[in-house]
Amino acid sequence: MALRFEIAVGLRKGHKTTKISAGKRSITDKSINIRPARLKGLQIKHSKFVRDVVREVVGVPYEKRAMELLKVSSDKRALKFLKRRLGTYIRAKR
């Protein structure tokens, strides 16, 4: 909120400040204020393309093994395997 005066008392007391507005990579509505830290890692067209290429090139071996484990219907073993490779259960479930 922009202040008129930089005084210590009154309704609009304090330092002059500006609101943090949604960045250029905002999802839909620019009037909603989003902290810049929340925009980190937002999927834009280029980053999505790069991630898909990396997943295509690097992710083949463990994805293939996970698919084989799921075909044999050992879901728990597949989840544990993916958790070990990806780091967290949430990533493994995806």
PDB file of N, CA and C in Angstrom:
ATOM      1  N   MET A   1       0.835  -1.161   0.000  1.00  0.00           N
ATOM      2  CA  MET A   1       0.000   0.000   0.000  1.00  0.00           C
ATOM      3  C   MET A   1       0.890   1.236   0.000  1.00  0.00           C
ATOM      4  N   ALA A   2       0.697   2.116  -0.943  1.00  0.00           N
ATOM      5  CA  ALA A   2       1.501   3.326  -1.020  1.00  0.00           C
ATOM      6  C   ALA A   2       0.998   4.337   0.005  1.00  0.00           C
ATOM      7  N   LEU A   3       1.905   4.893   0.758  1.00  0.00           N
ATOM      8  CA  LEU A   3       1.551   5.864   1.785  1.00  0.00           C
ATOM      9  C   LEU A   3       1.799   7.274   1.269  1.00  0.00           C
ATOM     10  N   ARG A   4       1.002   8.226   1.780  1.00  0.00           N
ATOM     11  CA  ARG A   4       1.168   9.607   1.344  1.00  0.00           C
ATOM     12  C   ARG A   4       2.336  10.281   2.045  1.00  0.00           C
ATOM     13  N   PHE A   5       2.393  10.102   3.351  1.00  0.00           N
ATOM     14  CA  PHE A   5       3.422  10.774   4.134  1.00  0.00           C
ATOM     15  C   PHE A   5       4.182   9.758   4.955  1.00  0.00           C
ATOM     16  N   GLU A   6       5.437  10.058   5.207  1.00  0.00           N
ATOM     17  CA  GLU A   6       6.249   9.168   6.019  1.00  0.00           C
ATOM     18  C   GLU A   6       6.300   9.726   7.441  1.00  0.00           C
ATOM     19  N   ILE A   7       5.164   9.579   8.160  1.00  0.00           N
ATOM     20  CA  ILE A   7       5.103  10.087   9.528  1.00  0.00           C
ATOM     21  C   ILE A   7       4.856   8.933  10.497  1.00  0.00           C
ATOM     22  N   ALA A   8       5.126   9.177  11.773  1.00  0.00           N
ATOM     23  CA  ALA A   8       5.098   8.108  12.764  1.00  0.00           C
ATOM     24  C   ALA A   8       3.716   7.847  13.345  1.00  0.00           C
ATOM     25  N   VAL A   9       2.776   8.793  13.214  1.00  0.00           N
ATOM     26  CA  VAL A   9       1.461   8.617  13.833  1.00  0.00           C
ATOM     27  C   VAL A   9       0.373   8.825  12.800  1.00  0.00           C
ATOM     28  N   GLY A  10      -0.824   8.367  13.129  1.00  0.00           N
ATOM     29  CA  GLY A  10      -1.957   8.605  12.259  1.00  0.00           C
ATOM     30  C   GLY A  10      -2.402   7.356  11.513  1.00  0.00           C
ATOM     31  N   LEU A  11      -3.380   7.552  10.655  1.00  0.00           N
ATOM     32  CA  LEU A  11      -3.997   6.441   9.944  1.00  0.00           C
ATOM     33  C   LEU A  11      -3.031   5.793   8.957  1.00  0.00           C
ATOM     34  N   ARG A  12      -2.255   6.612   8.251  1.00  0.00           N
ATOM     35  CA  ARG A  12      -1.325   6.078   7.248  1.00  0.00           C
ATOM     36  C   ARG A  12       0.116   6.275   7.683  1.00  0.00           C
ATOM     37  N   LYS A  13       0.427   5.804   8.873  1.00  0.00           N
ATOM     38  CA  LYS A  13       1.769   5.987   9.432  1.00  0.00           C
ATOM     39  C   LYS A  13       2.741   4.970   8.831  1.00  0.00           C
ATOM     40  N   GLY A  14       4.028   5.272   8.920  1.00  0.00           N
ATOM     41  CA  GLY A  14       5.045   4.311   8.524  1.00  0.00           C
ATOM     42  C   GLY A  14       5.755   4.667   7.240  1.00  0.00           C
ATOM     43  N   HIS A  15       6.631   3.753   6.816  1.00  0.00           N
ATOM     44  CA  HIS A  15       7.425   3.971   5.608  1.00  0.00           C
ATOM     45  C   HIS A  15       6.577   3.802   4.358  1.00  0.00           C
ATOM     46  N   LYS A  16       6.977   4.473   3.285  1.00  0.00           N
ATOM     47  CA  LYS A  16       6.302   4.316   2.005  1.00  0.00           C
ATOM     48  C   LYS A  16       6.645   2.936   1.452  1.00  0.00           C
ATOM     49  N   THR A  17       5.634   2.199   1.072  1.00  0.00           N
ATOM     50  CA  THR A  17       5.858   0.849   0.539  1.00  0.00           C
ATOM     51  C   THR A  17       5.019   0.640  -0.710  1.00  0.00           C
ATOM     52  N   THR A  18       5.354  -0.368  -1.458  1.00  0.00           N
ATOM     53  CA  THR A  18       4.543  -0.765  -2.606  1.00  0.00           C
ATOM     54  C   THR A  18       4.182  -2.231  -2.451  1.00  0.00           C
ATOM     55  N   LYS A  19       3.006  -2.592  -2.904  1.00  0.00           N
ATOM     56  CA  LYS A  19       2.569  -3.974  -2.798  1.00  0.00           C
ATOM     57  C   LYS A  19       3.343  -4.829  -3.790  1.00  0.00           C
ATOM     58  N   ILE A  20       3.545  -6.081  -3.406  1.00  0.00           N
ATOM     59  CA  ILE A  20       4.180  -7.030  -4.315  1.00  0.00           C
ATOM     60  C   ILE A  20       3.110  -7.511  -5.275  1.00  0.00           C
ATOM     61  N   SER A  21       3.305  -7.250  -6.567  1.00  0.00           N
ATOM     62  CA  SER A  21       2.300  -7.666  -7.539  1.00  0.00           C
ATOM     63  C   SER A  21       2.710  -8.986  -8.166  1.00  0.00           C
ATOM     64  N   ALA A  22       1.751  -9.643  -8.773  1.00  0.00           N
ATOM     65  CA  ALA A  22       2.026 -10.915  -9.429  1.00  0.00           C
ATOM     66  C   ALA A  22       2.986 -10.670 -10.573  1.00  0.00           C
ATOM     67  N   GLY A  23       3.926 -11.567 -10.734  1.00  0.00           N
ATOM     68  CA  GLY A  23       4.955 -11.406 -11.746  1.00  0.00           C
ATOM     69  C   GLY A  23       4.434 -11.631 -13.143  1.00  0.00           C
ATOM     70  N   LYS A  24       5.337 -11.609 -14.091  1.00  0.00           N
ATOM     71  CA  LYS A  24       4.979 -11.769 -15.486  1.00  0.00           C
ATOM     72  C   LYS A  24       4.456 -13.173 -15.753  1.00  0.00           C
ATOM     73  N   ARG A  25       4.851 -14.145 -14.885  1.00  0.00           N
ATOM     74  CA  ARG A  25       4.448 -15.531 -15.083  1.00  0.00           C
ATOM     75  C   ARG A  25       3.201 -15.881 -14.277  1.00  0.00           C
ATOM     76  N   SER A  26       2.352 -14.893 -14.015  1.00  0.00           N
ATOM     77  CA  SER A  26       1.157 -15.137 -13.215  1.00  0.00           C
ATOM     78  C   SER A  26       0.241 -16.135 -13.906  1.00  0.00           C
ATOM     79  N   ILE A  27      -0.486 -16.890 -13.118  1.00  0.00           N
ATOM     80  CA  ILE A  27      -1.322 -17.956 -13.650  1.00  0.00           C
ATOM     81  C   ILE A  27      -2.511 -17.373 -14.411  1.00  0.00           C
ATOM     82  N   THR A  28      -3.375 -16.615 -13.739  1.00  0.00           N
ATOM     83  CA  THR A  28      -4.529 -16.065 -14.440  1.00  0.00           C
ATOM     84  C   THR A  28      -4.739 -14.595 -14.121  1.00  0.00           C
ATOM     85  N   ASP A  29      -4.957 -14.274 -12.858  1.00  0.00           N
ATOM     86  CA  ASP A  29      -5.380 -12.939 -12.471  1.00  0.00           C
ATOM     87  C   ASP A  29      -4.206 -12.150 -11.912  1.00  0.00           C
ATOM     88  N   LYS A  30      -3.878 -11.018 -12.549  1.00  0.00           N
ATOM     89  CA  LYS A  30      -2.730 -10.236 -12.102  1.00  0.00           C
ATOM     90  C   LYS A  30      -3.062  -9.380 -10.882  1.00  0.00           C
ATOM     91  N   SER A  31      -4.342  -9.262 -10.523  1.00  0.00           N
ATOM     92  CA  SER A  31      -4.685  -8.456  -9.357  1.00  0.00           C
ATOM     93  C   SER A  31      -4.402  -9.206  -8.061  1.00  0.00           C
ATOM     94  N   ILE A  32      -4.290 -10.534  -8.133  1.00  0.00           N
ATOM     95  CA  ILE A  32      -3.963 -11.321  -6.946  1.00  0.00           C
ATOM     96  C   ILE A  32      -2.479 -11.162  -6.670  1.00  0.00           C
ATOM     97  N   ASN A  33      -2.138 -10.863  -5.422  1.00  0.00           N
ATOM     98  CA  ASN A  33      -0.737 -10.687  -5.071  1.00  0.00           C
ATOM     99  C   ASN A  33      -0.118 -12.031  -4.724  1.00  0.00           C
ATOM    100  N   ILE A  34       0.932 -12.391  -5.448  1.00  0.00           N
ATOM    101  CA  ILE A  34       1.648 -13.640  -5.218  1.00  0.00           C
ATOM    102  C   ILE A  34       3.073 -13.285  -4.863  1.00  0.00           C
ATOM    103  N   ARG A  35       3.587 -13.886  -3.772  1.00  0.00           N
ATOM    104  CA  ARG A  35       4.972 -13.640  -3.413  1.00  0.00           C
ATOM    105  C   ARG A  35       5.876 -14.198  -4.500  1.00  0.00           C
ATOM    106  N   PRO A  36       6.957 -13.498  -4.833  1.00  0.00           N
ATOM    107  CA  PRO A  36       7.857 -13.968  -5.888  1.00  0.00           C
ATOM    108  C   PRO A  36       8.393 -15.367  -5.642  1.00  0.00           C
ATOM    109  N   ALA A  37       8.547 -15.760  -4.380  1.00  0.00           N
ATOM    110  CA  ALA A  37       9.053 -17.096  -4.078  1.00  0.00           C
ATOM    111  C   ALA A  37       8.086 -18.168  -4.557  1.00  0.00           C
ATOM    112  N   ARG A  38       6.800 -17.847  -4.627  1.00  0.00           N
ATOM    113  CA  ARG A  38       5.805 -18.819  -5.078  1.00  0.00           C
ATOM    114  C   ARG A  38       5.878 -19.044  -6.587  1.00  0.00           C
ATOM    115  N   LEU A  39       6.487 -18.107  -7.307  1.00  0.00           N
ATOM    116  CA  LEU A  39       6.590 -18.237  -8.757  1.00  0.00           C
ATOM    117  C   LEU A  39       7.762 -19.117  -9.173  1.00  0.00           C
ATOM    118  N   LYS A  40       8.640 -19.438  -8.220  1.00  0.00           N
ATOM    119  CA  LYS A  40       9.816 -20.242  -8.554  1.00  0.00           C
ATOM    120  C   LYS A  40       9.385 -21.634  -8.996  1.00  0.00           C
ATOM    121  N   GLY A  41       9.910 -22.068 -10.113  1.00  0.00           N
ATOM    122  CA  GLY A  41       9.612 -23.407 -10.598  1.00  0.00           C
ATOM    123  C   GLY A  41       8.281 -23.515 -11.316  1.00  0.00           C
ATOM    124  N   LEU A  42       7.627 -22.386 -11.582  1.00  0.00           N
ATOM    125  CA  LEU A  42       6.362 -22.416 -12.293  1.00  0.00           C
ATOM    126  C   LEU A  42       6.595 -22.946 -13.697  1.00  0.00           C
ATOM    127  N   GLN A  43       5.724 -23.830 -14.149  1.00  0.00           N
ATOM    128  CA  GLN A  43       5.950 -24.437 -15.455  1.00  0.00           C
ATOM    129  C   GLN A  43       5.542 -23.476 -16.563  1.00  0.00           C
ATOM    130  N   ILE A  44       6.527 -23.031 -17.309  1.00  0.00           N
ATOM    131  CA  ILE A  44       6.264 -22.273 -18.515  1.00  0.00           C
ATOM    132  C   ILE A  44       6.605 -23.183 -19.683  1.00  0.00           C
ATOM    133  N   LYS A  45       6.334 -22.738 -20.880  1.00  0.00           N
ATOM    134  CA  LYS A  45       6.444 -23.610 -22.044  1.00  0.00           C
ATOM    135  C   LYS A  45       7.849 -24.193 -22.205  1.00  0.00           C
ATOM    136  N   HIS A  46       8.864 -23.342 -22.058  1.00  0.00           N
ATOM    137  CA  HIS A  46      10.242 -23.790 -22.274  1.00  0.00           C
ATOM    138  C   HIS A  46      10.689 -24.771 -21.198  1.00  0.00           C
ATOM    139  N   SER A  47      10.400 -24.455 -19.918  1.00  0.00           N
ATOM    140  CA  SER A  47      10.843 -25.348 -18.843  1.00  0.00           C
ATOM    141  C   SER A  47      10.130 -26.691 -18.926  1.00  0.00           C
ATOM    142  N   LYS A  48       8.860 -26.699 -19.353  1.00  0.00           N
ATOM    143  CA  LYS A  48       8.128 -27.955 -19.522  1.00  0.00           C
ATOM    144  C   LYS A  48       8.779 -28.789 -20.615  1.00  0.00           C
ATOM    145  N   PHE A  49       9.160 -28.143 -21.714  1.00  0.00           N
ATOM    146  CA  PHE A  49       9.818 -28.846 -22.811  1.00  0.00           C
ATOM    147  C   PHE A  49      11.141 -29.449 -22.353  1.00  0.00           C
ATOM    148  N   VAL A  50      11.940 -28.663 -21.624  1.00  0.00           N
ATOM    149  CA  VAL A  50      13.239 -29.143 -21.139  1.00  0.00           C
ATOM    150  C   VAL A  50      13.058 -30.323 -20.200  1.00  0.00           C
ATOM    151  N   ARG A  51      12.097 -30.232 -19.277  1.00  0.00           N
ATOM    152  CA  ARG A  51      11.858 -31.332 -18.342  1.00  0.00           C
ATOM    153  C   ARG A  51      11.410 -32.591 -19.062  1.00  0.00           C
ATOM    154  N   ASP A  52      10.566 -32.433 -20.091  1.00  0.00           N
ATOM    155  CA  ASP A  52      10.120 -33.601 -20.850  1.00  0.00           C
ATOM    156  C   ASP A  52      11.283 -34.274 -21.558  1.00  0.00           C
ATOM    157  N   VAL A  53      12.184 -33.472 -22.139  1.00  0.00           N
ATOM    158  CA  VAL A  53      13.345 -34.037 -22.834  1.00  0.00           C
ATOM    159  C   VAL A  53      14.247 -34.771 -21.853  1.00  0.00           C
ATOM    160  N   VAL A  54      14.504 -34.160 -20.701  1.00  0.00           N
ATOM    161  CA  VAL A  54      15.364 -34.795 -19.695  1.00  0.00           C
ATOM    162  C   VAL A  54      14.730 -36.083 -19.202  1.00  0.00           C
ATOM    163  N   ARG A  55      13.426 -36.067 -18.950  1.00  0.00           N
ATOM    164  CA  ARG A  55      12.735 -37.269 -18.486  1.00  0.00           C
ATOM    165  C   ARG A  55      12.802 -38.365 -19.547  1.00  0.00           C
ATOM    166  N   GLU A  56      12.698 -37.952 -20.812  1.00  0.00           N
ATOM    167  CA  GLU A  56      12.765 -38.912 -21.912  1.00  0.00           C
ATOM    168  C   GLU A  56      14.136 -39.573 -21.976  1.00  0.00           C
ATOM    169  N   VAL A  57      15.187 -38.776 -21.815  1.00  0.00           N
ATOM    170  CA  VAL A  57      16.547 -39.287 -21.974  1.00  0.00           C
ATOM    171  C   VAL A  57      17.022 -40.024 -20.727  1.00  0.00           C
ATOM    172  N   VAL A  58      16.829 -39.426 -19.562  1.00  0.00           N
ATOM    173  CA  VAL A  58      17.410 -39.951 -18.331  1.00  0.00           C
ATOM    174  C   VAL A  58      16.481 -40.928 -17.621  1.00  0.00           C
ATOM    175  N   GLY A  59      15.171 -40.706 -17.713  1.00  0.00           N
ATOM    176  CA  GLY A  59      14.245 -41.455 -16.883  1.00  0.00           C
ATOM    177  C   GLY A  59      13.876 -42.832 -17.371  1.00  0.00           C
ATOM    178  N   VAL A  60      14.387 -43.258 -18.505  1.00  0.00           N
ATOM    179  CA  VAL A  60      13.964 -44.529 -19.095  1.00  0.00           C
ATOM    180  C   VAL A  60      14.256 -45.739 -18.210  1.00  0.00           C
ATOM    181  N   PRO A  61      15.472 -45.936 -17.694  1.00  0.00           N
ATOM    182  CA  PRO A  61      15.764 -47.186 -16.992  1.00  0.00           C
ATOM    183  C   PRO A  61      14.885 -47.437 -15.771  1.00  0.00           C
ATOM    184  N   TYR A  62      14.733 -46.423 -14.897  1.00  0.00           N
ATOM    185  CA  TYR A  62      13.960 -46.698 -13.689  1.00  0.00           C
ATOM    186  C   TYR A  62      12.468 -46.741 -13.977  1.00  0.00           C
ATOM    187  N   GLU A  63      12.002 -45.993 -14.991  1.00  0.00           N
ATOM    188  CA  GLU A  63      10.588 -46.073 -15.349  1.00  0.00           C
ATOM    189  C   GLU A  63      10.260 -47.450 -15.912  1.00  0.00           C
ATOM    190  N   LYS A  64      11.176 -47.997 -16.702  1.00  0.00           N
ATOM    191  CA  LYS A  64      10.966 -49.326 -17.275  1.00  0.00           C
ATOM    192  C   LYS A  64      10.885 -50.371 -16.170  1.00  0.00           C
ATOM    193  N   ARG A  65      11.779 -50.275 -15.195  1.00  0.00           N
ATOM    194  CA  ARG A  65      11.780 -51.228 -14.074  1.00  0.00           C
ATOM    195  C   ARG A  65      10.503 -51.099 -13.256  1.00  0.00           C
ATOM    196  N   ALA A  66      10.058 -49.859 -13.035  1.00  0.00           N
ATOM    197  CA  ALA A  66       8.828 -49.640 -12.275  1.00  0.00           C
ATOM    198  C   ALA A  66       7.624 -50.218 -13.013  1.00  0.00           C
ATOM    199  N   MET A  67       7.584 -50.066 -14.335  1.00  0.00           N
ATOM    200  CA  MET A  67       6.482 -50.622 -15.127  1.00  0.00           C
ATOM    201  C   MET A  67       6.464 -52.143 -15.034  1.00  0.00           C
ATOM    202  N   GLU A  68       7.645 -52.755 -15.068  1.00  0.00           N
ATOM    203  CA  GLU A  68       7.715 -54.215 -14.946  1.00  0.00           C
ATOM    204  C   GLU A  68       7.227 -54.662 -13.577  1.00  0.00           C
ATOM    205  N   LEU A  69       7.608 -53.935 -12.523  1.00  0.00           N
ATOM    206  CA  LEU A  69       7.150 -54.284 -11.178  1.00  0.00           C
ATOM    207  C   LEU A  69       5.633 -54.150 -11.057  1.00  0.00           C
ATOM    208  N   LEU A  70       5.068 -53.145 -11.713  1.00  0.00           N
ATOM    209  CA  LEU A  70       3.620 -52.965 -11.665  1.00  0.00           C
ATOM    210  C   LEU A  70       2.893 -54.048 -12.461  1.00  0.00           C
ATOM    211  N   LYS A  71       3.498 -54.508 -13.571  1.00  0.00           N
ATOM    212  CA  LYS A  71       2.892 -55.587 -14.361  1.00  0.00           C
ATOM    213  C   LYS A  71       2.807 -56.874 -13.556  1.00  0.00           C
ATOM    214  N   VAL A  72       3.834 -57.131 -12.739  1.00  0.00           N
ATOM    215  CA  VAL A  72       3.877 -58.343 -11.926  1.00  0.00           C
ATOM    216  C   VAL A  72       2.969 -58.181 -10.702  1.00  0.00           C
ATOM    217  N   SER A  73       2.371 -56.995 -10.568  1.00  0.00           N
ATOM    218  CA  SER A  73       1.470 -56.625  -9.471  1.00  0.00           C
ATOM    219  C   SER A  73       2.152 -56.615  -8.111  1.00  0.00           C
ATOM    220  N   SER A  74       3.375 -56.126  -8.083  1.00  0.00           N
ATOM    221  CA  SER A  74       4.030 -55.871  -6.797  1.00  0.00           C
ATOM    222  C   SER A  74       4.082 -54.356  -6.601  1.00  0.00           C
ATOM    223  N   ASP A  75       2.929 -53.793  -6.249  1.00  0.00           N
ATOM    224  CA  ASP A  75       2.775 -52.341  -6.131  1.00  0.00           C
ATOM    225  C   ASP A  75       3.664 -51.761  -5.039  1.00  0.00           C
ATOM    226  N   LYS A  76       3.715 -52.462  -3.907  1.00  0.00           N
ATOM    227  CA  LYS A  76       4.489 -51.956  -2.778  1.00  0.00           C
ATOM    228  C   LYS A  76       5.969 -51.889  -3.131  1.00  0.00           C
ATOM    229  N   ARG A  77       6.472 -52.924  -3.797  1.00  0.00           N
ATOM    230  CA  ARG A  77       7.876 -52.964  -4.200  1.00  0.00           C
ATOM    231  C   ARG A  77       8.166 -51.839  -5.194  1.00  0.00           C
ATOM    232  N   ALA A  78       7.252 -51.584  -6.127  1.00  0.00           N
ATOM    233  CA  ALA A  78       7.429 -50.513  -7.108  1.00  0.00           C
ATOM    234  C   ALA A  78       7.474 -49.154  -6.413  1.00  0.00           C
ATOM    235  N   LEU A  79       6.580 -48.957  -5.437  1.00  0.00           N
ATOM    236  CA  LEU A  79       6.552 -47.688  -4.711  1.00  0.00           C
ATOM    237  C   LEU A  79       7.842 -47.475  -3.933  1.00  0.00           C
ATOM    238  N   LYS A  80       8.338 -48.533  -3.289  1.00  0.00           N
ATOM    239  CA  LYS A  80       9.584 -48.420  -2.529  1.00  0.00           C
ATOM    240  C   LYS A  80      10.762 -48.133  -3.460  1.00  0.00           C
ATOM    241  N   PHE A  81      10.769 -48.790  -4.621  1.00  0.00           N
ATOM    242  CA  PHE A  81      11.832 -48.589  -5.607  1.00  0.00           C
ATOM    243  C   PHE A  81      11.845 -47.141  -6.089  1.00  0.00           C
ATOM    244  N   LEU A  82      10.650 -46.627  -6.454  1.00  0.00           N
ATOM    245  CA  LEU A  82      10.559 -45.252  -6.945  1.00  0.00           C
ATOM    246  C   LEU A  82      10.880 -44.239  -5.854  1.00  0.00           C
ATOM    247  N   LYS A  83      10.497 -44.551  -4.608  1.00  0.00           N
ATOM    248  CA  LYS A  83      10.800 -43.651  -3.500  1.00  0.00           C
ATOM    249  C   LYS A  83      12.296 -43.531  -3.323  1.00  0.00           C
ATOM    250  N   ARG A  84      12.996 -44.650  -3.464  1.00  0.00           N
ATOM    251  CA  ARG A  84      14.447 -44.633  -3.321  1.00  0.00           C
ATOM    252  C   ARG A  84      15.088 -43.797  -4.433  1.00  0.00           C
ATOM    253  N   ARG A  85      14.545 -43.882  -5.645  1.00  0.00           N
ATOM    254  CA  ARG A  85      15.116 -43.141  -6.772  1.00  0.00           C
ATOM    255  C   ARG A  85      14.752 -41.661  -6.759  1.00  0.00           C
ATOM    256  N   LEU A  86      13.505 -41.359  -6.383  1.00  0.00           N
ATOM    257  CA  LEU A  86      13.020 -39.985  -6.510  1.00  0.00           C
ATOM    258  C   LEU A  86      13.115 -39.168  -5.228  1.00  0.00           C
ATOM    259  N   GLY A  87      13.214 -39.833  -4.077  1.00  0.00           N
ATOM    260  CA  GLY A  87      13.430 -39.093  -2.842  1.00  0.00           C
ATOM    261  C   GLY A  87      12.266 -39.042  -1.880  1.00  0.00           C
ATOM    262  N   THR A  88      11.021 -38.912  -2.368  1.00  0.00           N
ATOM    263  CA  THR A  88       9.876 -38.830  -1.465  1.00  0.00           C
ATOM    264  C   THR A  88       8.743 -39.712  -1.970  1.00  0.00           C
ATOM    265  N   TYR A  89       7.857 -40.087  -1.047  1.00  0.00           N
ATOM    266  CA  TYR A  89       6.708 -40.911  -1.423  1.00  0.00           C
ATOM    267  C   TYR A  89       5.751 -40.158  -2.332  1.00  0.00           C
ATOM    268  N   ILE A  90       5.622 -38.852  -2.116  1.00  0.00           N
ATOM    269  CA  ILE A  90       4.700 -38.067  -2.941  1.00  0.00           C
ATOM    270  C   ILE A  90       5.163 -38.072  -4.394  1.00  0.00           C
ATOM    271  N   ARG A  91       6.460 -37.878  -4.621  1.00  0.00           N
ATOM    272  CA  ARG A  91       6.986 -37.934  -5.988  1.00  0.00           C
ATOM    273  C   ARG A  91       6.835 -39.327  -6.564  1.00  0.00           C
ATOM    274  N   ALA A  92       7.045 -40.346  -5.723  1.00  0.00           N
ATOM    275  CA  ALA A  92       6.954 -41.728  -6.188  1.00  0.00           C
ATOM    276  C   ALA A  92       5.529 -42.076  -6.600  1.00  0.00           C
ATOM    277  N   LYS A  93       4.536 -41.558  -5.873  1.00  0.00           N
ATOM    278  CA  LYS A  93       3.140 -41.859  -6.197  1.00  0.00           C
ATOM    279  C   LYS A  93       2.720 -41.228  -7.514  1.00  0.00           C
ATOM    280  N   ARG A  94       3.312 -40.116  -7.865  1.00  0.00           N
ATOM    281  CA  ARG A  94       2.967 -39.455  -9.120  1.00  0.00           C
ATOM    282  C   ARG A  94       3.480 -40.261 -10.282  1.00  0.00           C
TER     283      ARG A  94
END
